[in-house]
C-alpha atoms as a PDB file:
ATOM      1  CA  TYR A   1    -124.500 103.607  19.406  1.00  0.00           C
ATOM      2  CA  TYR A   2    -125.775 104.233  15.876  1.00  0.00           C
ATOM      3  CA  ILE A   3    -124.451 106.415  13.064  1.00  0.00           C
ATOM      4  CA  GLN A   4    -127.123 107.808  10.803  1.00  0.00           C
ATOM      5  CA  LYS A   5    -125.973 108.001   7.205  1.00  0.00           C
ATOM      6  CA  ALA A   6    -126.936 110.549   4.589  1.00  0.00           C
ATOM      7  CA  ASP A   7    -129.360 108.121   2.934  1.00  0.00           C
ATOM      8  CA  GLY A   8    -131.264 107.777   6.207  1.00  0.00           C
ATOM      9  CA  SER A   9    -129.993 104.313   7.112  1.00  0.00           C
ATOM     10  CA  LYS A  10    -128.205 103.548  10.384  1.00  0.00           C
ATOM     11  CA  SER A  11    -125.164 101.439  11.217  1.00  0.00           C
ATOM     12  CA  GLN A  12    -124.490 100.055  14.714  1.00  0.00           C
ATOM     13  CA  HIS A  13    -121.144 100.610  16.445  1.00  0.00           C
ATOM     14  CA  TYR A  14    -119.669  99.498  19.792  1.00  0.00           C
ATOM     15  CA  GLY A  15    -117.170 101.161  22.056  1.00  0.00           C
ATOM     16  CA  PRO A  16    -117.109 104.366  24.092  1.00  0.00           C
ATOM     17  CA  PRO A  17    -119.853 106.576  22.693  1.00  0.00           C
ATOM     18  CA  PRO A  18    -119.566 110.296  22.010  1.00  0.00           C
ATOM     19  CA  THR A  19    -121.355 112.418  24.564  1.00  0.00           C
ATOM     20  CA  HIS A  20    -122.877 114.845  22.106  1.00  0.00           C
ATOM     21  CA  LEU A  21    -124.008 115.080  18.490  1.00  0.00           C
ATOM     22  CA  VAL A  22    -121.080 115.190  16.093  1.00  0.00           C
ATOM     23  CA  PRO A  23    -121.582 116.471  12.525  1.00  0.00           C
ATOM     24  CA  ILE A  24    -120.171 114.175   9.854  1.00  0.00           C
ATOM     25  CA  ASN A  25    -118.920 115.805   6.673  1.00  0.00           C
ATOM     26  CA  THR A  26    -120.547 113.911   3.804  1.00  0.00           C
ATOM     27  CA  GLY A  27    -119.778 116.467   1.125  1.00  0.00           C
ATOM     28  CA  LEU A  28    -123.486 116.801   0.437  1.00  0.00           C
ATOM     29  CA  PRO A  29    -125.262 120.149   0.402  1.00  0.00           C
ATOM     30  CA  THR A  30    -128.188 118.731   2.373  1.00  0.00           C
ATOM     31  CA  ALA A  31    -128.450 118.120   6.136  1.00  0.00           C
ATOM     32  CA  ALA A  32    -125.355 116.452   7.519  1.00  0.00           C
ATOM     33  CA  SER A  33    -125.403 113.015   9.067  1.00  0.00           C
ATOM     34  CA  MET A  34    -125.458 112.912  12.818  1.00  0.00           C
ATOM     35  CA  VAL A  35    -124.243 110.463  15.444  1.00  0.00           C
ATOM     36  CA  VAL A  36    -127.134 109.307  17.589  1.00  0.00           C
ATOM     37  CA  THR A  37    -125.783 108.521  21.060  1.00  0.00           C
ATOM     38  CA  PRO A  38    -127.377 106.309  23.699  1.00  0.00           C
ATOM     39  CA  THR A  39    -128.120 109.427  25.741  1.00  0.00           C
ATOM     40  CA  MET A  40    -130.997 109.967  23.345  1.00  0.00           C
ATOM     41  CA  SER A  41    -132.663 106.634  24.146  1.00  0.00           C
ATOM     42  CA  ASP A  42    -135.922 106.540  26.056  1.00  0.00           C
ATOM     43  CA  ASP A  43    -134.433 105.165  29.296  1.00  0.00           C
ATOM     44  CA  SER A  44    -130.957 106.659  29.401  1.00  0.00           C
ATOM     45  CA  GLN A  45    -131.689 110.013  31.017  1.00  0.00           C
ATOM     46  CA  GLU A  46    -133.478 108.862  34.165  1.00  0.00           C
ATOM     47  CA  ASP A  47    -133.559 111.416  36.944  1.00  0.00           C
ATOM     48  CA  PRO A  48    -131.572 109.938  39.862  1.00  0.00           C
ATOM     49  CA  SER A  49    -134.381 110.843  42.251  1.00  0.00           C
ATOM     50  CA  ASP A  50    -136.983 108.972  40.220  1.00  0.00           C
ATOM     51  CA  GLY A  51    -135.233 106.091  38.497  1.00  0.00           C
ATOM     52  CA  PHE A  52    -132.062 104.106  38.242  1.00  0.00           C
ATOM     53  CA  GLY A  53    -129.631 107.003  37.902  1.00  0.00           C
ATOM     54  CA  PRO A  54    -128.349 108.626  34.681  1.00  0.00           C
ATOM     55  CA  SER A  55    -126.623 106.319  32.219  1.00  0.00           C
ATOM     56  CA  LEU A  56    -125.212 106.934  28.754  1.00  0.00           C
ATOM     57  CA  LEU A  57    -125.753 103.340  27.639  1.00  0.00           C
ATOM     58  CA  GLY A  58    -129.061 102.685  29.388  1.00  0.00           C
ATOM     59  CA  VAL A  59    -127.253 100.838  32.206  1.00  0.00           C
ATOM     60  CA  ARG A  60    -124.651 101.984  34.728  1.00  0.00           C
ATOM     61  CA  THR A  61    -121.158 101.495  33.273  1.00  0.00           C
ATOM     62  CA  THR A  62    -117.740 103.120  33.583  1.00  0.00           C
ATOM     63  CA  VAL A  63    -118.625 105.680  30.918  1.00  0.00           C
ATOM     64  CA  ASP A  64    -120.933 107.232  33.548  1.00  0.00           C
ATOM     65  CA  GLU A  65    -119.861 109.541  36.340  1.00  0.00           C
ATOM     66  CA  PRO A  66    -120.171 108.214  39.910  1.00  0.00           C
ATOM     67  CA  LEU A  67    -123.252 109.413  41.765  1.00  0.00           C
ATOM     68  CA  SER A  68    -122.859 111.443  44.935  1.00  0.00           C
ATOM     69  CA  ALA A  69    -124.001 109.888  48.208  1.00  0.00           C
ATOM     70  CA  SER A  70    -127.170 111.995  48.231  1.00  0.00           C
ATOM     71  CA  GLN A  71    -127.977 111.032  44.640  1.00  0.00           C
ATOM     72  CA  ALA A  72    -127.401 107.368  45.450  1.00  0.00           C
ATOM     73  CA  ILE A  73    -129.753 107.485  48.437  1.00  0.00           C
ATOM     74  CA  GLY A  74    -132.339 109.139  46.189  1.00  0.00           C
ATOM     75  CA  VAL A  75    -132.070 106.271  43.702  1.00  0.00           C
ATOM     76  CA  LEU A  76    -132.411 103.648  46.449  1.00  0.00           C
ATOM     77  CA  GLN A  77    -135.377 105.415  48.051  1.00  0.00           C
ATOM     78  CA  ALA A  78    -137.162 105.795  44.721  1.00  0.00           C
ATOM     79  CA  GLY A  79    -136.535 102.154  43.881  1.00  0.00           C
ATOM     80  CA  ASN A  80    -137.909 100.962  47.211  1.00  0.00           C
ATOM     81  CA  ARG A  81    -141.019 103.124  46.763  1.00  0.00           C
ATOM     82  CA  ARG A  82    -141.638 101.434  43.420  1.00  0.00           C
ATOM     83  CA  PHE A  83    -141.121  98.025  45.036  1.00  0.00           C
ATOM     84  CA  VAL A  84    -143.594  98.776  47.841  1.00  0.00           C
ATOM     85  CA  GLN A  85    -146.175 100.129  45.395  1.00  0.00           C
ATOM     86  CA  GLY A  86    -145.742  97.203  43.008  1.00  0.00           C
ATOM     87  CA  ASP A  87    -144.702  99.574  40.230  1.00  0.00           C
ATOM     88  CA  VAL A  88    -141.292  98.070  39.481  1.00  0.00           C
ATOM     89  CA  LYS A  89    -139.363  99.104  36.372  1.00  0.00           C
ATOM     90  CA  ALA A  90    -136.409  96.730  36.533  1.00  0.00           C
ATOM     91  CA  GLY A  91    -136.670  93.766  34.235  1.00  0.00           C
ATOM     92  CA  GLY A  92    -134.557  91.720  31.915  1.00  0.00           C
ATOM     93  CA  LEU A  93    -131.778  93.451  30.001  1.00  0.00           C
ATOM     94  CA  GLY A  94    -131.768  93.385  26.233  1.00  0.00           C
ATOM     95  CA  PRO A  95    -128.712  92.307  24.226  1.00  0.00           C
ATOM     96  CA  ASP A  96    -127.372  95.864  23.825  1.00  0.00           C
ATOM     97  CA  LYS A  97    -127.421  96.568  27.563  1.00  0.00           C
ATOM     98  CA  ARG A  98    -125.866  93.212  28.419  1.00  0.00           C
ATOM     99  CA  ARG A  99    -123.069  93.895  25.941  1.00  0.00           C
ATOM    100  CA  ALA A 100    -122.619  97.384  27.393  1.00  0.00           C
ATOM    101  CA  LEU A 101    -122.139  95.962  30.895  1.00  0.00           C
ATOM    102  CA  ALA A 102    -119.769  93.290  29.628  1.00  0.00           C
ATOM    103  CA  SER A 103    -117.718  95.722  27.535  1.00  0.00           C
ATOM    104  CA  HIS A 104    -117.655  98.850  29.683  1.00  0.00           C
ATOM    105  CA  GLY A 105    -117.538  97.511  33.237  1.00  0.00           C
ATOM    106  CA  GLN A 106    -119.646  98.539  36.211  1.00  0.00           C
ATOM    107  CA  ARG A 107    -120.420 101.848  37.898  1.00  0.00           C
ATOM    108  CA  PRO A 108    -122.958 100.935  40.611  1.00  0.00           C
ATOM    109  CA  VAL A 109    -124.806 103.711  42.394  1.00  0.00           C
ATOM    110  CA  ALA A 110    -124.134 102.267  45.860  1.00  0.00           C
ATOM    111  CA  THR A 111    -122.624  99.431  47.886  1.00  0.00           C
ATOM    112  CA  VAL A 112    -125.086  97.517  50.078  1.00  0.00           C
ATOM    113  CA  ILE A 113    -124.207  95.039  52.828  1.00  0.00           C
ATOM    114  CA  GLY A 114    -127.296  92.897  53.340  1.00  0.00           C
ATOM    115  CA  CYS A 115    -128.380  89.652  54.968  1.00  0.00           C
ATOM    116  CA  ALA A 116    -128.242  86.294  53.181  1.00  0.00           C
ATOM    117  CA  ASP A 117    -131.922  85.673  54.033  1.00  0.00           C
ATOM    118  CA  SER A 118    -133.630  84.557  50.812  1.00  0.00           C
ATOM    119  CA  ARG A 119    -136.593  86.802  51.619  1.00  0.00           C
ATOM    120  CA  CYS A 120    -134.445  89.915  51.391  1.00  0.00           C
ATOM    121  CA  PRO A 121    -133.107  90.133  47.817  1.00  0.00           C
ATOM    122  CA  VAL A 122    -131.331  93.479  47.831  1.00  0.00           C
ATOM    123  CA  GLU A 123    -131.579  94.247  44.121  1.00  0.00           C
ATOM    124  CA  GLN A 124    -135.307  93.522  43.987  1.00  0.00           C
ATOM    125  CA  LEU A 125    -136.348  95.490  47.055  1.00  0.00           C
ATOM    126  CA  PHE A 126    -134.597  98.531  45.548  1.00  0.00           C
ATOM    127  CA  ASP A 127    -136.022  97.749  42.087  1.00  0.00           C
ATOM    128  CA  ALA A 128    -132.503  97.638  40.682  1.00  0.00           C
ATOM    129  CA  ARG A 129    -131.036  96.103  37.543  1.00  0.00           C
ATOM    130  CA  PRO A 130    -127.724  94.324  36.939  1.00  0.00           C
ATOM    131  CA  GLY A 131    -124.962  96.881  37.394  1.00  0.00           C
ATOM    132  CA  ASP A 132    -126.954  99.211  39.664  1.00  0.00           C
ATOM    133  CA  ILE A 133    -125.879  98.015  43.134  1.00  0.00           C
ATOM    134  CA  PHE A 134    -122.699  96.367  44.419  1.00  0.00           C
ATOM    135  CA  VAL A 135    -124.165  93.816  46.839  1.00  0.00           C
ATOM    136  CA  LEU A 136    -122.489  91.894  49.672  1.00  0.00           C
ATOM    137  CA  ARG A 137    -124.565  89.434  51.711  1.00  0.00           C
ATOM    138  CA  ASN A 138    -124.033  87.079  54.619  1.00  0.00           C
ATOM    139  CA  ALA A 139    -126.047  85.811  57.581  1.00  0.00           C
ATOM    140  CA  GLY A 140    -126.719  88.800  59.811  1.00  0.00           C
ATOM    141  CA  ASN A 141    -125.207  91.453  57.475  1.00  0.00           C
ATOM    142  CA  THR A 142    -122.033  91.485  59.558  1.00  0.00           C
ATOM    143  CA  CYS A 143    -118.351  92.251  59.209  1.00  0.00           C
ATOM    144  CA  THR A 144    -116.471  90.179  61.769  1.00  0.00           C
ATOM    145  CA  HIS A 145    -112.897  90.191  60.486  1.00  0.00           C
ATOM    146  CA  ALA A 146    -110.926  93.330  59.720  1.00  0.00           C
ATOM    147  CA  GLU A 147    -109.031  91.517  56.967  1.00  0.00           C
ATOM    148  CA  GLY A 148    -111.983  89.427  55.763  1.00  0.00           C
ATOM    149  CA  SER A 149    -113.679  89.338  52.384  1.00  0.00           C
ATOM    150  CA  MET A 150    -116.552  91.620  53.423  1.00  0.00           C
ATOM    151  CA  VAL A 151    -114.335  94.525  54.438  1.00  0.00           C
ATOM    152  CA  GLY A 152    -112.013  93.964  51.490  1.00  0.00           C
ATOM    153  CA  SER A 153    -114.959  93.941  49.081  1.00  0.00           C
ATOM    154  CA  VAL A 154    -116.315  97.208  50.482  1.00  0.00           C
ATOM    155  CA  GLU A 155    -112.878  98.769  50.107  1.00  0.00           C
ATOM    156  CA  TYR A 156    -112.765  97.543  46.496  1.00  0.00           C
ATOM    157  CA  SER A 157    -116.118  99.159  45.778  1.00  0.00           C
ATOM    158  CA  VAL A 158    -115.084 102.598  47.008  1.00  0.00           C
ATOM    159  CA  LEU A 159    -111.582 102.508  45.507  1.00  0.00           C
ATOM    160  CA  ASN A 160    -112.187 100.819  42.155  1.00  0.00           C
ATOM    161  CA  LEU A 161    -115.893 101.265  41.457  1.00  0.00           C
ATOM    162  CA  GLU A 162    -116.057 104.728  43.048  1.00  0.00           C
ATOM    163  CA  THR A 163    -119.304 104.184  44.934  1.00  0.00           C
ATOM    164  CA  LYS A 164    -119.968 107.082  47.281  1.00  0.00           C
ATOM    165  CA  MET A 165    -122.667 105.449  49.401  1.00  0.00           C
ATOM    166  CA  ILE A 166    -122.195 102.375  51.604  1.00  0.00           C
ATOM    167  CA  LEU A 167    -125.472 101.138  53.090  1.00  0.00           C
ATOM    168  CA  VAL A 168    -125.655  98.483  55.821  1.00  0.00           C
ATOM    169  CA  LEU A 169    -129.097  96.894  55.533  1.00  0.00           C
ATOM    170  CA  GLY A 170    -130.636  94.858  58.345  1.00  0.00           C
ATOM    171  CA  HIS A 171    -134.138  93.399  58.266  1.00  0.00           C
ATOM    172  CA  THR A 172    -136.995  92.444  60.545  1.00  0.00           C
ATOM    173  CA  GLY A 173    -137.292  88.808  61.542  1.00  0.00           C
ATOM    174  CA  CYS A 174    -133.581  88.115  61.064  1.00  0.00           C
ATOM    175  CA  GLY A 175    -132.876  84.457  61.864  1.00  0.00           C
ATOM    176  CA  ALA A 176    -129.233  85.062  62.733  1.00  0.00           C
ATOM    177  CA  ILE A 177    -130.164  87.777  65.217  1.00  0.00           C
ATOM    178  CA  MET A 178    -132.912  85.625  66.727  1.00  0.00           C
ATOM    179  CA  GLY A 179    -130.502  82.708  67.095  1.00  0.00           C
ATOM    180  CA  ALA A 180    -127.935  84.924  68.801  1.00  0.00           C
ATOM    181  CA  THR A 181    -130.609  86.358  71.096  1.00  0.00           C
ATOM    182  CA  LYS A 182    -131.742  82.899  72.161  1.00  0.00           C
ATOM    183  CA  LEU A 183    -128.132  81.957  72.822  1.00  0.00           C
ATOM    184  CA  PHE A 184    -127.683  85.104  74.911  1.00  0.00           C
ATOM    185  CA  MET A 185    -130.816  84.364  76.948  1.00  0.00           C
ATOM    186  CA  GLU A 186    -129.746  80.760  77.541  1.00  0.00           C
ATOM    187  CA  ARG A 187    -126.342  81.878  78.754  1.00  0.00           C
ATOM    188  CA  SER A 188    -127.919  84.493  80.988  1.00  0.00           C
ATOM    189  CA  GLU A 189    -129.768  81.719  82.780  1.00  0.00           C
ATOM    190  CA  GLN A 190    -126.944  79.187  82.689  1.00  0.00           C
ATOM    191  CA  PRO A 191    -123.295  80.056  81.906  1.00  0.00           C
ATOM    192  CA  PRO A 192    -121.839  78.138  78.928  1.00  0.00           C
ATOM    193  CA  GLN A 193    -119.951  74.978  79.757  1.00  0.00           C
ATOM    194  CA  PRO A 194    -116.441  74.343  78.394  1.00  0.00           C
ATOM    195  CA  CYS A 195    -116.486  72.096  75.351  1.00  0.00           C
ATOM    196  CA  GLY A 196    -113.947  70.586  73.008  1.00  0.00           C
ATOM    197  CA  CYS A 197    -113.072  72.446  69.815  1.00  0.00           C
ATOM    198  CA  LYS A 198    -114.153  69.468  67.703  1.00  0.00           C
ATOM    199  CA  SER A 199    -117.790  69.864  68.794  1.00  0.00           C
ATOM    200  CA  ARG A 200    -117.944  73.568  67.984  1.00  0.00           C
ATOM    201  CA  SER A 201    -119.604  74.306  64.652  1.00  0.00           C
ATOM    202  CA  THR A 202    -118.965  77.237  62.351  1.00  0.00           C
ATOM    203  CA  LEU A 203    -122.627  78.190  62.743  1.00  0.00           C
ATOM    204  CA  LEU A 204    -122.210  78.430  66.501  1.00  0.00           C
ATOM    205  CA  GLY A 205    -119.195  80.647  65.917  1.00  0.00           C
ATOM    206  CA  LEU A 206    -121.318  82.950  63.754  1.00  0.00           C
ATOM    207  CA  LEU A 207    -124.021  83.198  66.428  1.00  0.00           C
ATOM    208  CA  ASP A 208    -121.391  83.596  69.129  1.00  0.00           C
ATOM    209  CA  ALA A 209    -120.066  86.710  67.396  1.00  0.00           C
ATOM    210  CA  LEU A 210    -123.587  88.187  67.454  1.00  0.00           C
ATOM    211  CA  VAL A 211    -124.339  87.429  71.117  1.00  0.00           C
ATOM    212  CA  PRO A 212    -122.830  90.785  72.240  1.00  0.00           C
ATOM    213  CA  VAL A 213    -125.311  92.500  69.910  1.00  0.00           C
ATOM    214  CA  ALA A 214    -128.209  90.828  71.711  1.00  0.00           C
ATOM    215  CA  GLU A 215    -126.605  91.664  75.053  1.00  0.00           C
ATOM    216  CA  GLN A 216    -126.374  95.353  74.165  1.00  0.00           C
ATOM    217  CA  ALA A 217    -129.957  95.362  72.889  1.00  0.00           C
ATOM    218  CA  SER A 218    -131.115  93.875  76.191  1.00  0.00           C
ATOM    219  CA  VAL A 219    -129.214  96.512  78.161  1.00  0.00           C
ATOM    220  CA  GLU A 220    -130.653  99.356  76.073  1.00  0.00           C
ATOM    221  CA  LEU A 221    -134.193  98.016  76.537  1.00  0.00           C
ATOM    222  CA  GLY A 222    -133.721  97.225  80.212  1.00  0.00           C
ATOM    223  CA  GLY A 223    -134.632  93.603  79.546  1.00  0.00           C
ATOM    224  CA  GLY A 224    -137.574  92.127  77.674  1.00  0.00           C
ATOM    225  CA  SER A 225    -138.799  89.043  75.864  1.00  0.00           C
ATOM    226  CA  ILE A 226    -136.705  87.198  73.299  1.00  0.00           C
ATOM    227  CA  GLU A 227    -138.819  88.730  70.535  1.00  0.00           C
ATOM    228  CA  GLU A 228    -138.449  92.274  71.875  1.00  0.00           C
ATOM    229  CA  ILE A 229    -134.705  91.981  72.346  1.00  0.00           C
ATOM    230  CA  ALA A 230    -134.208  90.395  68.911  1.00  0.00           C
ATOM    231  CA  ALA A 231    -136.252  93.132  67.226  1.00  0.00           C
ATOM    232  CA  HIS A 232    -134.147  95.879  68.817  1.00  0.00           C
ATOM    233  CA  ALA A 233    -130.945  93.937  68.172  1.00  0.00           C
ATOM    234  CA  VAL A 234    -131.520  94.300  64.418  1.00  0.00           C
ATOM    235  CA  LYS A 235    -130.834  98.035  64.677  1.00  0.00           C
ATOM    236  CA  VAL A 236    -127.995  97.524  67.167  1.00  0.00           C
ATOM    237  CA  ASN A 237    -126.399  95.128  64.694  1.00  0.00           C
ATOM    238  CA  VAL A 238    -126.633  97.633  61.842  1.00  0.00           C
ATOM    239  CA  TRP A 239    -124.772 100.198  63.938  1.00  0.00           C
ATOM    240  CA  ARG A 240    -122.222  97.599  65.016  1.00  0.00           C
ATOM    241  CA  THR A 241    -121.390  96.694  61.420  1.00  0.00           C
ATOM    242  CA  ILE A 242    -121.033 100.362  60.487  1.00  0.00           C
ATOM    243  CA  ASN A 243    -118.895 101.023  63.558  1.00  0.00           C
ATOM    244  CA  PHE A 244    -116.714  98.036  62.706  1.00  0.00           C
ATOM    245  CA  LEU A 245    -116.057  99.369  59.202  1.00  0.00           C
ATOM    246  CA  LEU A 246    -115.201 102.811  60.541  1.00  0.00           C
ATOM    247  CA  SER A 247    -112.946 101.372  63.227  1.00  0.00           C
ATOM    248  CA  TYR A 248    -111.013  98.740  61.315  1.00  0.00           C
ATOM    249  CA  SER A 249    -110.814  99.932  57.703  1.00  0.00           C
ATOM    250  CA  ARG A 250    -108.429 102.838  57.273  1.00  0.00           C
ATOM    251  CA  ILE A 251    -109.535 103.231  53.647  1.00  0.00           C
ATOM    252  CA  ILE A 252    -113.220 103.540  54.503  1.00  0.00           C
ATOM    253  CA  ARG A 253    -112.546 105.741  57.534  1.00  0.00           C
ATOM    254  CA  GLU A 254    -110.479 108.197  55.496  1.00  0.00           C
ATOM    255  CA  LYS A 255    -113.038 108.295  52.669  1.00  0.00           C
ATOM    256  CA  VAL A 256    -115.829 109.043  55.139  1.00  0.00           C
ATOM    257  CA  ALA A 257    -113.740 111.609  57.027  1.00  0.00           C
ATOM    258  CA  SER A 258    -113.012 113.475  53.789  1.00  0.00           C
ATOM    259  CA  GLY A 259    -116.701 113.599  52.904  1.00  0.00           C
ATOM    260  CA  GLU A 260    -116.131 111.650  49.696  1.00  0.00           C
ATOM    261  CA  VAL A 261    -118.089 108.615  50.930  1.00  0.00           C
ATOM    262  CA  GLU A 262    -121.060 108.237  53.283  1.00  0.00           C
ATOM    263  CA  LEU A 263    -121.744 105.182  55.437  1.00  0.00           C
ATOM    264  CA  GLN A 264    -125.363 104.793  56.517  1.00  0.00           C
ATOM    265  CA  GLY A 265    -127.742 102.211  57.952  1.00  0.00           C
ATOM    266  CA  ALA A 266    -131.208 100.974  57.033  1.00  0.00           C
ATOM    267  CA  ILE A 267    -133.730  98.295  58.020  1.00  0.00           C
ATOM    268  CA  TYR A 268    -135.971  96.398  55.612  1.00  0.00           C
ATOM    269  CA  ASP A 269    -139.442  95.533  56.906  1.00  0.00           C
ATOM    270  CA  MET A 270    -140.317  92.189  55.367  1.00  0.00           C
ATOM    271  CA  SER A 271    -144.058  92.626  55.992  1.00  0.00           C
ATOM    272  CA  SER A 272    -144.503  96.043  54.392  1.00  0.00           C
ATOM    273  CA  GLY A 273    -141.592  95.882  51.945  1.00  0.00           C
ATOM    274  CA  ALA A 274    -140.478  99.346  53.055  1.00  0.00           C
ATOM    275  CA  VAL A 275    -136.901 100.270  53.900  1.00  0.00           C
ATOM    276  CA  GLU A 276    -136.355 102.612  56.853  1.00  0.00           C
ATOM    277  CA  PHE A 277    -133.255 104.716  56.257  1.00  0.00           C
ATOM    278  CA  LEU A 278    -131.468 105.343  59.559  1.00  0.00           C
ATOM    279  CA  GLY A 279    -128.739 107.727  58.455  1.00  0.00           C
ATOM    280  CA  LYS A 280    -125.235 107.803  59.911  1.00  0.00           C
ATOM    281  CA  SER A 281    -124.002 106.012  63.019  1.00  0.00           C
ATOM    282  CA  PRO A 282    -124.423 108.052  66.225  1.00  0.00           C
ATOM    283  CA  LYS A 283    -120.780 107.215  66.954  1.00  0.00           C
ATOM    284  CA  GLN A 284    -119.366 108.269  63.567  1.00  0.00           C
ATOM    285  CA  ALA A 285    -117.643 111.451  64.772  1.00  0.00           C
ATOM    286  CA  GLN A 286    -115.992 109.548  67.610  1.00  0.00           C
ATOM    287  CA  LEU A 287    -114.893 106.642  65.418  1.00  0.00           C
ATOM    288  CA  LEU A 288    -113.372 108.791  62.680  1.00  0.00           C
ATOM    289  CA  ASN A 289    -110.582 109.475  65.160  1.00  0.00           C
ATOM    290  CA  TYR A 290    -110.178 105.799  66.049  1.00  0.00           C
ATOM    291  CA  ASP A 291    -107.000 104.023  64.946  1.00  0.00           C
ATOM    292  CA  GLY A 292    -108.085 100.387  65.002  1.00  0.00           C
ATOM    293  CA  HIS A 293    -106.124  97.201  64.810  1.00  0.00           C
ATOM    294  CA  VAL A 294    -107.002  93.802  63.379  1.00  0.00           C
ATOM    295  CA  VAL A 295    -109.285  91.797  65.671  1.00  0.00           C
ATOM    296  CA  PRO A 296    -110.440  88.193  65.194  1.00  0.00           C
ATOM    297  CA  SER A 297    -114.166  88.807  65.571  1.00  0.00           C
ATOM    298  CA  MET A 298    -116.817  91.369  66.312  1.00  0.00           C
ATOM    299  CA  GLY A 299    -116.871  90.068  69.871  1.00  0.00           C
ATOM    300  CA  GLY A 300    -113.515  91.748  70.394  1.00  0.00           C
ATOM    301  CA  LEU A 301    -114.986  95.038  69.240  1.00  0.00           C
ATOM    302  CA  VAL A 302    -117.844  95.238  71.702  1.00  0.00           C
ATOM    303  CA  ARG A 303    -116.296  97.033  74.635  1.00  0.00           C
ATOM    304  CA  GLN A 304    -113.982  99.143  72.468  1.00  0.00           C
ATOM    305  CA  VAL A 305    -116.612 100.979  70.416  1.00  0.00           C
ATOM    306  CA  SER A 306    -119.858 100.399  72.306  1.00  0.00           C
END
């Protein structure tokens, strides 16, 4: 922030800024000097429904209050509209904003679990800047271990960063979902043969954990082509990830049950660039009463919460 002196000059200062104008006694009979805070800058008072969310330093840091879940969704929706329209505002950060993030920590508006697909960069499709979104990505936007890094990172975001919105984001044309669907169809025609552990790859294990998603999608559709089942499985997988978090994270479950945090789903359409917001899981009320235990993979969750 800057302090304006009596002679009209300004001096730059770092550290937690004041939140209002503070008169400085100069002993002069003329107008007193004033502290000019970052809240007076041209980009620091963005409306959360039309920008990046309010920020005292021009970027989201710990000097800002956490946004509510509804405010956070408003920020994400507005950002995606800008992305679709090609009217993006996010760009490079100047030195002052970079220093603010480095010095004052992060206060992201939301936590987003997305897919590792290089065509689905979460920050860009929500027109977000560094510090705006706490992003977790892997192939298939999944959580497959109750004590894994994905669940632990989400818990960190709600406990330490105070994000009130957790969004699980799937996308059209997901390669992981397509691979799992093909595997499901192959096994439907010919049961898998026993094989030695040495020949089993980690990639196959990832797809294996998603096969039940394709199976459920097929059941819900009453059958269909690989493409049709895979397309529907994207939404099924979003719900499965949400249901997993509610079932196997006591911290997240309690935060959602109290109304402090919301857990919602969405699907990104790679062709249009638009994000479809799905809202809460249809099974949320049921799962808030679920007392889960640690399971090795999502495959073990299928028949318990489906």
